[in-house]
Amino acid sequence: MLLCHGRVDEVVRFRYGEKSAEKLTSAGFENLTFKPFNSLGHCINPEEMAEVASWLTSKLELEGKS
């Protein structure tokens, strides 16, 4: 699971994103990646979408090798 969160999110505080990652990990999600973005608010940007594409590609490549 990939969880991205902007440090300057004006709707959902960054700390809540961190807490979500902590709760998911403690609930047993073993392959969780939490990715903070310094200049991201409550929106998406090309940097985040590139990260999502890279993460997804890496997961699909691993799946293809199984």
N, C-alpha and C. Protein backbone atom coordinates (compact mmCIF):
# COMPACT_ATOMS: atom_id res chain seq x y z
N MET A 1 0.85 -1.16 0.00
CA MET A 1 0.00 0.00 0.00
C MET A 1 0.90 1.23 0.00
N LEU A 2 0.53 2.20 -0.79
CA LEU A 2 1.24 3.48 -0.83
C LEU A 2 0.33 4.54 -0.26
N LEU A 3 0.83 5.26 0.72
CA LEU A 3 0.09 6.35 1.35
C LEU A 3 0.92 7.61 1.19
N CYS A 4 0.41 8.55 0.41
CA CYS A 4 1.10 9.83 0.18
C CYS A 4 0.37 10.92 0.95
N HIS A 5 1.14 11.89 1.45
CA HIS A 5 0.50 12.99 2.17
C HIS A 5 1.37 14.24 2.09
N GLY A 6 0.73 15.35 1.83
CA GLY A 6 1.44 16.63 1.76
C GLY A 6 1.66 17.24 3.13
N ARG A 7 2.83 17.78 3.33
CA ARG A 7 3.15 18.41 4.61
C ARG A 7 2.41 19.72 4.83
N VAL A 8 1.92 20.33 3.75
CA VAL A 8 1.19 21.60 3.89
C VAL A 8 -0.28 21.43 3.52
N ASP A 9 -0.82 20.23 3.76
CA ASP A 9 -2.24 19.96 3.50
C ASP A 9 -3.07 20.84 4.42
N GLU A 10 -3.91 21.66 3.82
CA GLU A 10 -4.72 22.60 4.60
C GLU A 10 -6.07 22.01 5.02
N VAL A 11 -6.37 20.78 4.60
CA VAL A 11 -7.63 20.12 4.95
C VAL A 11 -7.41 19.01 5.98
N VAL A 12 -6.44 18.14 5.71
CA VAL A 12 -6.11 17.03 6.61
C VAL A 12 -4.69 17.26 7.11
N ARG A 13 -4.54 17.47 8.39
CA ARG A 13 -3.22 17.74 8.96
C ARG A 13 -2.24 16.62 8.64
N PHE A 14 -1.00 17.02 8.41
CA PHE A 14 0.04 16.04 8.08
C PHE A 14 0.15 14.98 9.15
N ARG A 15 0.04 15.36 10.39
CA ARG A 15 0.16 14.40 11.50
C ARG A 15 -0.88 13.29 11.38
N TYR A 16 -2.06 13.60 10.84
CA TYR A 16 -3.09 12.58 10.67
C TYR A 16 -2.68 11.57 9.60
N GLY A 17 -1.97 12.02 8.59
CA GLY A 17 -1.43 11.10 7.59
C GLY A 17 -0.41 10.17 8.22
N GLU A 18 0.45 10.74 9.05
CA GLU A 18 1.44 9.92 9.76
C GLU A 18 0.76 8.91 10.67
N LYS A 19 -0.27 9.37 11.40
CA LYS A 19 -0.99 8.47 12.30
C LYS A 19 -1.70 7.36 11.51
N SER A 20 -2.22 7.68 10.35
CA SER A 20 -2.85 6.66 9.50
C SER A 20 -1.86 5.58 9.14
N ALA A 21 -0.66 5.99 8.75
CA ALA A 21 0.39 5.02 8.41
C ALA A 21 0.75 4.16 9.62
N GLU A 22 0.85 4.79 10.77
CA GLU A 22 1.18 4.05 12.00
C GLU A 22 0.09 3.03 12.32
N LYS A 23 -1.18 3.44 12.22
CA LYS A 23 -2.30 2.54 12.53
C LYS A 23 -2.36 1.37 11.54
N LEU A 24 -2.16 1.66 10.26
CA LEU A 24 -2.19 0.59 9.27
C LEU A 24 -1.06 -0.41 9.51
N THR A 25 0.11 0.09 9.84
CA THR A 25 1.24 -0.79 10.13
C THR A 25 0.94 -1.65 11.35
N SER A 26 0.42 -1.03 12.40
CA SER A 26 0.12 -1.79 13.62
C SER A 26 -1.04 -2.76 13.42
N ALA A 27 -1.87 -2.52 12.39
CA ALA A 27 -2.98 -3.43 12.09
C ALA A 27 -2.53 -4.59 11.21
N GLY A 28 -1.25 -4.59 10.81
CA GLY A 28 -0.73 -5.74 10.08
C GLY A 28 -0.41 -5.50 8.62
N PHE A 29 -0.58 -4.29 8.13
CA PHE A 29 -0.20 -4.01 6.75
C PHE A 29 1.33 -3.96 6.68
N GLU A 30 1.92 -5.01 6.14
CA GLU A 30 3.37 -5.17 6.17
C GLU A 30 4.10 -4.36 5.11
N ASN A 31 3.52 -4.20 3.96
CA ASN A 31 4.21 -3.53 2.85
C ASN A 31 3.68 -2.12 2.63
N LEU A 32 3.59 -1.36 3.68
CA LEU A 32 3.10 0.01 3.61
C LEU A 32 4.26 0.96 3.35
N THR A 33 4.07 1.84 2.39
CA THR A 33 5.04 2.90 2.13
C THR A 33 4.35 4.23 2.39
N PHE A 34 4.88 5.00 3.32
CA PHE A 34 4.36 6.34 3.59
C PHE A 34 5.30 7.34 2.94
N LYS A 35 4.77 8.15 2.04
CA LYS A 35 5.58 9.10 1.29
C LYS A 35 5.10 10.52 1.55
N PRO A 36 5.88 11.30 2.30
CA PRO A 36 5.52 12.70 2.52
C PRO A 36 6.02 13.58 1.37
N PHE A 37 5.29 14.65 1.10
CA PHE A 37 5.68 15.62 0.08
C PHE A 37 5.71 17.00 0.72
N ASN A 38 6.88 17.62 0.71
CA ASN A 38 7.09 18.88 1.42
C ASN A 38 6.20 20.02 0.96
N SER A 39 6.01 20.20 -0.33
CA SER A 39 5.27 21.38 -0.82
C SER A 39 3.87 21.03 -1.32
N LEU A 40 3.34 19.89 -0.91
CA LEU A 40 2.03 19.46 -1.38
C LEU A 40 0.95 19.78 -0.37
N GLY A 41 -0.13 20.39 -0.86
CA GLY A 41 -1.29 20.64 -0.02
C GLY A 41 -2.29 19.51 -0.20
N HIS A 42 -3.58 19.86 -0.14
CA HIS A 42 -4.65 18.87 -0.29
C HIS A 42 -5.01 18.76 -1.77
N CYS A 43 -4.07 18.25 -2.53
CA CYS A 43 -4.23 18.14 -3.98
C CYS A 43 -3.21 17.12 -4.49
N ILE A 44 -3.09 17.02 -5.79
CA ILE A 44 -2.06 16.18 -6.38
C ILE A 44 -1.15 17.07 -7.21
N ASN A 45 0.06 16.59 -7.47
CA ASN A 45 0.97 17.33 -8.34
C ASN A 45 1.80 16.32 -9.14
N PRO A 46 2.52 16.78 -10.15
CA PRO A 46 3.29 15.84 -10.98
C PRO A 46 4.30 15.00 -10.19
N GLU A 47 4.92 15.58 -9.16
CA GLU A 47 5.88 14.82 -8.35
C GLU A 47 5.21 13.63 -7.67
N GLU A 48 4.04 13.86 -7.12
CA GLU A 48 3.32 12.78 -6.45
C GLU A 48 2.87 11.72 -7.46
N MET A 49 2.36 12.15 -8.60
CA MET A 49 1.91 11.20 -9.62
C MET A 49 3.07 10.37 -10.16
N ALA A 50 4.24 10.98 -10.27
CA ALA A 50 5.43 10.22 -10.69
C ALA A 50 5.78 9.17 -9.65
N GLU A 51 5.65 9.51 -8.38
CA GLU A 51 5.91 8.56 -7.30
C GLU A 51 4.91 7.41 -7.35
N VAL A 52 3.64 7.72 -7.57
CA VAL A 52 2.61 6.68 -7.66
C VAL A 52 2.92 5.75 -8.84
N ALA A 53 3.26 6.32 -9.99
CA ALA A 53 3.57 5.52 -11.17
C ALA A 53 4.78 4.63 -10.92
N SER A 54 5.81 5.17 -10.30
CA SER A 54 7.01 4.40 -10.00
C SER A 54 6.71 3.27 -9.03
N TRP A 55 5.98 3.57 -7.99
CA TRP A 55 5.62 2.56 -6.99
C TRP A 55 4.78 1.45 -7.63
N LEU A 56 3.78 1.85 -8.41
CA LEU A 56 2.90 0.87 -9.05
C LEU A 56 3.68 0.00 -10.04
N THR A 57 4.54 0.62 -10.83
CA THR A 57 5.36 -0.13 -11.78
C THR A 57 6.22 -1.16 -11.07
N SER A 58 6.83 -0.75 -9.95
CA SER A 58 7.68 -1.69 -9.21
C SER A 58 6.86 -2.87 -8.68
N LYS A 59 5.64 -2.63 -8.25
CA LYS A 59 4.79 -3.71 -7.75
C LYS A 59 4.35 -4.63 -8.87
N LEU A 60 4.04 -4.06 -10.04
CA LEU A 60 3.62 -4.88 -11.18
C LEU A 60 4.80 -5.73 -11.69
N GLU A 61 6.00 -5.18 -11.66
CA GLU A 61 7.18 -5.94 -12.07
C GLU A 61 7.43 -7.10 -11.13
N LEU A 62 7.27 -6.87 -9.84
CA LEU A 62 7.45 -7.95 -8.87
C LEU A 62 6.39 -9.03 -9.07
N GLU A 63 5.17 -8.63 -9.34
CA GLU A 63 4.09 -9.58 -9.55
C GLU A 63 4.36 -10.43 -10.79
N GLY A 64 4.92 -9.82 -11.83
CA GLY A 64 5.21 -10.54 -13.06
C GLY A 64 6.33 -11.55 -12.90
N LYS A 65 7.18 -11.37 -11.89
CA LYS A 65 8.30 -12.28 -11.65
C LYS A 65 7.89 -13.47 -10.78
N SER A 66 6.71 -13.41 -10.20
CA SER A 66 6.25 -14.49 -9.31
C SER A 66 5.81 -15.71 -10.08
